[in-house]
């Protein structure tokens, strides 16, 4: 039986893992409003080292090209400003989220791992809600955040196989990947 993750909450009461999932999935979908909301929710909840580690991972896992170096430079700038005046460092997090949202997407790095090492995981074969939102202190977690990486997603039967297909189809904007023809037919 898989050990359940410790229940961590954010400042506004979101499940830590769901907030993280929502941020990453919104970046994949080029939705900076949702991605930014959850990035800042994690930051303001004291998880700033984690949010930066996650953004670095996203830059390698979901983005085409060499954007990781830019994210690392923004993280370094954040660290320098955050130590002296925490509010001033936030601009670097904001820029990182926007760059990641707008970056061309593909999952080549992750697909390479799956194709050469984790075989069998891949088959061979939020609208403009910020315009309508009244309570900026709380937004609904998008349904796509509840996947195999969250307890709720696991309980609802979500699998890694579902994850690969759904999240590949969600990449916006998507850059043709080196392995797409082998992974998604």
C-alpha atoms as a PDB file:
ATOM      1  CA  UNK A   1       0.000   0.000   0.000  1.00  0.00           C
ATOM      2  CA  UNK A   2       1.350   3.415  -0.956  1.00  0.00           C
ATOM      3  CA  UNK A   3       2.075   5.741   1.929  1.00  0.00           C
ATOM      4  CA  UNK A   4      -0.143   8.854   1.798  1.00  0.00           C
ATOM      5  CA  UNK A   5       1.618  12.220   1.628  1.00  0.00           C
ATOM      6  CA  UNK A   6       1.519  14.501   4.628  1.00  0.00           C
ATOM      7  CA  UNK A   7      -1.389  16.929   4.428  1.00  0.00           C
ATOM      8  CA  UNK A   8       0.079  20.364   3.812  1.00  0.00           C
ATOM      9  CA  UNK A   9      -2.047  23.473   3.358  1.00  0.00           C
ATOM     10  CA  UNK A  10      -1.398  26.870   1.848  1.00  0.00           C
ATOM     11  CA  UNK A  11      -2.199  30.238   3.410  1.00  0.00           C
ATOM     12  CA  UNK A  12      -5.714  30.235   1.900  1.00  0.00           C
ATOM     13  CA  UNK A  13      -6.394  26.571   2.691  1.00  0.00           C
ATOM     14  CA  UNK A  14      -5.486  24.880  -0.598  1.00  0.00           C
ATOM     15  CA  UNK A  15      -3.942  21.433  -0.487  1.00  0.00           C
ATOM     16  CA  UNK A  16      -0.229  22.017  -1.164  1.00  0.00           C
ATOM     17  CA  UNK A  17      -0.019  19.261  -3.787  1.00  0.00           C
ATOM     18  CA  UNK A  18      -3.170  20.419  -5.567  1.00  0.00           C
ATOM     19  CA  UNK A  19      -1.919  24.019  -5.652  1.00  0.00           C
ATOM     20  CA  UNK A  20       1.372  22.788  -7.127  1.00  0.00           C
ATOM     21  CA  UNK A  21      -0.473  20.677  -9.689  1.00  0.00           C
ATOM     22  CA  UNK A  22      -2.709  23.598 -10.664  1.00  0.00           C
ATOM     23  CA  UNK A  23       0.308  25.863 -11.146  1.00  0.00           C
ATOM     24  CA  UNK A  24       2.154  23.419 -13.383  1.00  0.00           C
ATOM     25  CA  UNK A  25      -0.879  22.435 -15.422  1.00  0.00           C
ATOM     26  CA  UNK A  26      -1.791  26.103 -15.948  1.00  0.00           C
ATOM     27  CA  UNK A  27       1.742  26.773 -17.203  1.00  0.00           C
ATOM     28  CA  UNK A  28       1.340  23.897 -19.668  1.00  0.00           C
ATOM     29  CA  UNK A  29      -1.884  25.501 -20.898  1.00  0.00           C
ATOM     30  CA  UNK A  30      -0.409  29.021 -21.184  1.00  0.00           C
ATOM     31  CA  UNK A  31      -2.737  30.369 -18.490  1.00  0.00           C
ATOM     32  CA  UNK A  32      -0.615  32.892 -16.562  1.00  0.00           C
ATOM     33  CA  UNK A  33      -3.527  34.034 -14.384  1.00  0.00           C
ATOM     34  CA  UNK A  34      -4.071  30.640 -12.776  1.00  0.00           C
ATOM     35  CA  UNK A  35      -0.361  29.773 -12.820  1.00  0.00           C
ATOM     36  CA  UNK A  36       0.496  33.098 -11.204  1.00  0.00           C
ATOM     37  CA  UNK A  37      -2.219  32.827  -8.586  1.00  0.00           C
ATOM     38  CA  UNK A  38      -0.988  29.427  -7.411  1.00  0.00           C
ATOM     39  CA  UNK A  39       2.721  30.347  -7.685  1.00  0.00           C
ATOM     40  CA  UNK A  40       2.112  33.325  -5.393  1.00  0.00           C
ATOM     41  CA  UNK A  41      -0.136  31.255  -3.127  1.00  0.00           C
ATOM     42  CA  UNK A  42       2.779  28.843  -2.628  1.00  0.00           C
ATOM     43  CA  UNK A  43       5.261  31.709  -2.199  1.00  0.00           C
ATOM     44  CA  UNK A  44       3.116  33.566   0.349  1.00  0.00           C
ATOM     45  CA  UNK A  45       2.534  30.306   2.221  1.00  0.00           C
ATOM     46  CA  UNK A  46       6.261  29.980   2.880  1.00  0.00           C
ATOM     47  CA  UNK A  47       7.037  27.454   0.156  1.00  0.00           C
ATOM     48  CA  UNK A  48       9.233  29.794  -1.883  1.00  0.00           C
ATOM     49  CA  UNK A  49      12.181  27.389  -2.248  1.00  0.00           C
ATOM     50  CA  UNK A  50       9.823  24.665  -3.380  1.00  0.00           C
ATOM     51  CA  UNK A  51       8.012  26.860  -5.926  1.00  0.00           C
ATOM     52  CA  UNK A  52      11.346  27.806  -7.517  1.00  0.00           C
ATOM     53  CA  UNK A  53      12.497  24.176  -7.634  1.00  0.00           C
ATOM     54  CA  UNK A  54       9.194  23.284  -9.280  1.00  0.00           C
ATOM     55  CA  UNK A  55       9.545  26.083 -11.864  1.00  0.00           C
ATOM     56  CA  UNK A  56      13.066  24.865 -12.683  1.00  0.00           C
ATOM     57  CA  UNK A  57      11.676  21.359 -13.174  1.00  0.00           C
ATOM     58  CA  UNK A  58       8.833  22.665 -15.356  1.00  0.00           C
ATOM     59  CA  UNK A  59      11.359  24.517 -17.518  1.00  0.00           C
ATOM     60  CA  UNK A  60      13.087  21.212 -18.273  1.00  0.00           C
ATOM     61  CA  UNK A  61      10.058  18.923 -18.269  1.00  0.00           C
ATOM     62  CA  UNK A  62       7.494  20.918 -20.259  1.00  0.00           C
ATOM     63  CA  UNK A  63       9.297  23.605 -22.250  1.00  0.00           C
ATOM     64  CA  UNK A  64      11.089  23.562 -25.568  1.00  0.00           C
ATOM     65  CA  UNK A  65      14.513  25.104 -25.889  1.00  0.00           C
ATOM     66  CA  UNK A  66      16.922  26.496 -23.335  1.00  0.00           C
ATOM     67  CA  UNK A  67      14.627  28.407 -20.997  1.00  0.00           C
ATOM     68  CA  UNK A  68      15.981  26.698 -17.864  1.00  0.00           C
ATOM     69  CA  UNK A  69      18.966  29.049 -17.736  1.00  0.00           C
ATOM     70  CA  UNK A  70      16.631  32.060 -17.712  1.00  0.00           C
ATOM     71  CA  UNK A  71      14.553  30.551 -14.882  1.00  0.00           C
ATOM     72  CA  UNK A  72      17.706  29.873 -12.863  1.00  0.00           C
ATOM     73  CA  UNK A  73      18.859  33.485 -13.370  1.00  0.00           C
ATOM     74  CA  UNK A  74      15.450  34.762 -12.219  1.00  0.00           C
ATOM     75  CA  UNK A  75      15.641  32.469  -9.168  1.00  0.00           C
ATOM     76  CA  UNK A  76      19.066  33.902  -8.316  1.00  0.00           C
ATOM     77  CA  UNK A  77      17.762  37.471  -8.687  1.00  0.00           C
ATOM     78  CA  UNK A  78      14.770  36.572  -6.502  1.00  0.00           C
ATOM     79  CA  UNK A  79      17.079  35.217  -3.800  1.00  0.00           C
ATOM     80  CA  UNK A  80      19.180  38.395  -3.750  1.00  0.00           C
ATOM     81  CA  UNK A  81      16.158  40.699  -3.473  1.00  0.00           C
ATOM     82  CA  UNK A  82      14.082  38.463  -1.205  1.00  0.00           C
ATOM     83  CA  UNK A  83      16.734  38.389   1.530  1.00  0.00           C
ATOM     84  CA  UNK A  84      16.744  42.173   1.915  1.00  0.00           C
ATOM     85  CA  UNK A  85      13.146  43.012   1.068  1.00  0.00           C
ATOM     86  CA  UNK A  86      10.813  40.029   0.394  1.00  0.00           C
ATOM     87  CA  UNK A  87       8.201  41.986  -1.571  1.00  0.00           C
ATOM     88  CA  UNK A  88      10.787  43.156  -4.122  1.00  0.00           C
ATOM     89  CA  UNK A  89      11.732  39.627  -5.146  1.00  0.00           C
ATOM     90  CA  UNK A  90       8.216  38.799  -6.290  1.00  0.00           C
ATOM     91  CA  UNK A  91       8.704  40.426  -9.698  1.00  0.00           C
ATOM     92  CA  UNK A  92      11.192  37.696 -10.606  1.00  0.00           C
ATOM     93  CA  UNK A  93       8.683  34.974  -9.762  1.00  0.00           C
ATOM     94  CA  UNK A  94       6.091  36.761 -11.848  1.00  0.00           C
ATOM     95  CA  UNK A  95       8.464  36.986 -14.812  1.00  0.00           C
ATOM     96  CA  UNK A  96       9.372  33.296 -14.496  1.00  0.00           C
ATOM     97  CA  UNK A  97       5.704  32.252 -14.549  1.00  0.00           C
ATOM     98  CA  UNK A  98       4.978  34.403 -17.597  1.00  0.00           C
ATOM     99  CA  UNK A  99       8.042  33.129 -19.499  1.00  0.00           C
ATOM    100  CA  UNK A 100       7.142  29.517 -18.745  1.00  0.00           C
ATOM    101  CA  UNK A 101       3.522  30.046 -19.796  1.00  0.00           C
ATOM    102  CA  UNK A 102       4.538  31.633 -23.088  1.00  0.00           C
ATOM    103  CA  UNK A 103       7.365  29.230 -23.878  1.00  0.00           C
ATOM    104  CA  UNK A 104       6.837  26.700 -26.637  1.00  0.00           C
ATOM    105  CA  UNK A 105       5.961  23.424 -24.999  1.00  0.00           C
ATOM    106  CA  UNK A 106       7.011  19.860 -25.498  1.00  0.00           C
ATOM    107  CA  UNK A 107       7.855  17.030 -23.186  1.00  0.00           C
ATOM    108  CA  UNK A 108      10.969  15.724 -24.929  1.00  0.00           C
ATOM    109  CA  UNK A 109      13.089  15.487 -21.764  1.00  0.00           C
ATOM    110  CA  UNK A 110      10.401  13.506 -19.922  1.00  0.00           C
ATOM    111  CA  UNK A 111       9.562  11.433 -22.990  1.00  0.00           C
ATOM    112  CA  UNK A 112      13.202  10.465 -23.410  1.00  0.00           C
ATOM    113  CA  UNK A 113      13.262   9.102 -19.861  1.00  0.00           C
ATOM    114  CA  UNK A 114      10.051   7.165 -20.497  1.00  0.00           C
ATOM    115  CA  UNK A 115      11.168   5.811 -23.855  1.00  0.00           C
ATOM    116  CA  UNK A 116      14.572   4.611 -22.720  1.00  0.00           C
ATOM    117  CA  UNK A 117      14.051   3.864 -19.045  1.00  0.00           C
ATOM    118  CA  UNK A 118      10.428   3.801 -17.804  1.00  0.00           C
ATOM    119  CA  UNK A 119       9.083   1.726 -20.678  1.00  0.00           C
ATOM    120  CA  UNK A 120       5.396   0.842 -20.640  1.00  0.00           C
ATOM    121  CA  UNK A 121       4.194   4.165 -19.241  1.00  0.00           C
ATOM    122  CA  UNK A 122       3.364   5.608 -22.627  1.00  0.00           C
ATOM    123  CA  UNK A 123       1.055   3.952 -25.142  1.00  0.00           C
ATOM    124  CA  UNK A 124       2.410   3.197 -28.503  1.00  0.00           C
ATOM    125  CA  UNK A 125      -0.444   4.300 -29.912  1.00  0.00           C
ATOM    126  CA  UNK A 126      -9.706  27.780 -17.300  1.00  0.00           C
ATOM    127  CA  UNK A 127     -11.226  29.939 -19.509  1.00  0.00           C
ATOM    128  CA  UNK A 128     -11.128  33.676 -18.814  1.00  0.00           C
ATOM    129  CA  UNK A 129     -12.306  33.068 -15.263  1.00  0.00           C
ATOM    130  CA  UNK A 130     -10.375  36.031 -13.843  1.00  0.00           C
ATOM    131  CA  UNK A 131     -12.792  38.351 -15.674  1.00  0.00           C
ATOM    132  CA  UNK A 132     -15.726  36.867 -13.778  1.00  0.00           C
ATOM    133  CA  UNK A 133     -14.061  36.213 -10.455  1.00  0.00           C
ATOM    134  CA  UNK A 134     -15.435  38.238  -7.574  1.00  0.00           C
ATOM    135  CA  UNK A 135     -13.499  36.723  -4.664  1.00  0.00           C
ATOM    136  CA  UNK A 136      -9.807  37.018  -5.553  1.00  0.00           C
ATOM    137  CA  UNK A 137      -8.899  35.436  -2.210  1.00  0.00           C
ATOM    138  CA  UNK A 138     -10.243  32.080  -3.318  1.00  0.00           C
ATOM    139  CA  UNK A 139     -10.623  30.522  -6.739  1.00  0.00           C
ATOM    140  CA  UNK A 140     -11.812  27.086  -7.714  1.00  0.00           C
ATOM    141  CA  UNK A 141      -9.050  24.597  -8.394  1.00  0.00           C
ATOM    142  CA  UNK A 142      -9.321  23.562 -12.054  1.00  0.00           C
ATOM    143  CA  UNK A 143     -10.440  19.940 -12.467  1.00  0.00           C
ATOM    144  CA  UNK A 144      -7.326  19.158 -14.485  1.00  0.00           C
ATOM    145  CA  UNK A 145      -5.208  19.669 -11.347  1.00  0.00           C
ATOM    146  CA  UNK A 146      -6.607  16.468  -9.856  1.00  0.00           C
ATOM    147  CA  UNK A 147      -4.490  13.882 -11.619  1.00  0.00           C
ATOM    148  CA  UNK A 148      -2.382  10.888 -10.612  1.00  0.00           C
ATOM    149  CA  UNK A 149      -0.007  13.222  -8.742  1.00  0.00           C
ATOM    150  CA  UNK A 150      -2.687  14.228  -6.202  1.00  0.00           C
ATOM    151  CA  UNK A 151      -4.410  12.096  -3.595  1.00  0.00           C
ATOM    152  CA  UNK A 152      -7.831  13.091  -4.951  1.00  0.00           C
ATOM    153  CA  UNK A 153      -6.797  12.122  -8.483  1.00  0.00           C
ATOM    154  CA  UNK A 154      -5.472   8.743  -7.368  1.00  0.00           C
ATOM    155  CA  UNK A 155      -8.655   8.056  -5.423  1.00  0.00           C
ATOM    156  CA  UNK A 156     -10.719   8.857  -8.517  1.00  0.00           C
ATOM    157  CA  UNK A 157      -8.765   6.322 -10.548  1.00  0.00           C
ATOM    158  CA  UNK A 158      -6.441   8.626 -12.502  1.00  0.00           C
ATOM    159  CA  UNK A 159      -3.372   6.843 -13.844  1.00  0.00           C
ATOM    160  CA  UNK A 160       0.027   7.862 -15.215  1.00  0.00           C
ATOM    161  CA  UNK A 161      -1.150   6.629 -18.590  1.00  0.00           C
ATOM    162  CA  UNK A 162      -4.085   9.102 -18.428  1.00  0.00           C
ATOM    163  CA  UNK A 163      -1.673  11.811 -17.333  1.00  0.00           C
ATOM    164  CA  UNK A 164       0.629  11.434 -20.335  1.00  0.00           C
ATOM    165  CA  UNK A 165      -2.206  11.674 -22.861  1.00  0.00           C
ATOM    166  CA  UNK A 166      -4.162  14.478 -21.155  1.00  0.00           C
ATOM    167  CA  UNK A 167      -1.175  16.661 -20.375  1.00  0.00           C
ATOM    168  CA  UNK A 168       0.357  16.217 -23.828  1.00  0.00           C
ATOM    169  CA  UNK A 169      -2.902  17.348 -25.424  1.00  0.00           C
ATOM    170  CA  UNK A 170      -2.990  20.359 -23.052  1.00  0.00           C
ATOM    171  CA  UNK A 171       0.403  21.825 -24.000  1.00  0.00           C
ATOM    172  CA  UNK A 172      -0.120  25.433 -25.215  1.00  0.00           C
ATOM    173  CA  UNK A 173       1.633  26.606 -27.280  1.00  0.00           C
ATOM    174  CA  UNK A 174       3.012  23.247 -28.322  1.00  0.00           C
ATOM    175  CA  UNK A 175       6.218  22.733 -30.212  1.00  0.00           C
ATOM    176  CA  UNK A 176       6.528  19.518 -32.189  1.00  0.00           C
ATOM    177  CA  UNK A 177       8.633  17.146 -30.116  1.00  0.00           C
ATOM    178  CA  UNK A 178      11.322  14.720 -31.187  1.00  0.00           C
ATOM    179  CA  UNK A 179       9.448  11.703 -29.822  1.00  0.00           C
ATOM    180  CA  UNK A 180       5.798  12.670 -30.405  1.00  0.00           C
ATOM    181  CA  UNK A 181       5.325  10.291 -33.335  1.00  0.00           C
ATOM    182  CA  UNK A 182       6.450   7.345 -31.191  1.00  0.00           C
ATOM    183  CA  UNK A 183       4.500   8.294 -28.108  1.00  0.00           C
ATOM    184  CA  UNK A 184       1.196   9.726 -29.389  1.00  0.00           C
ATOM    185  CA  UNK A 185      -0.313   8.067 -32.430  1.00  0.00           C
END
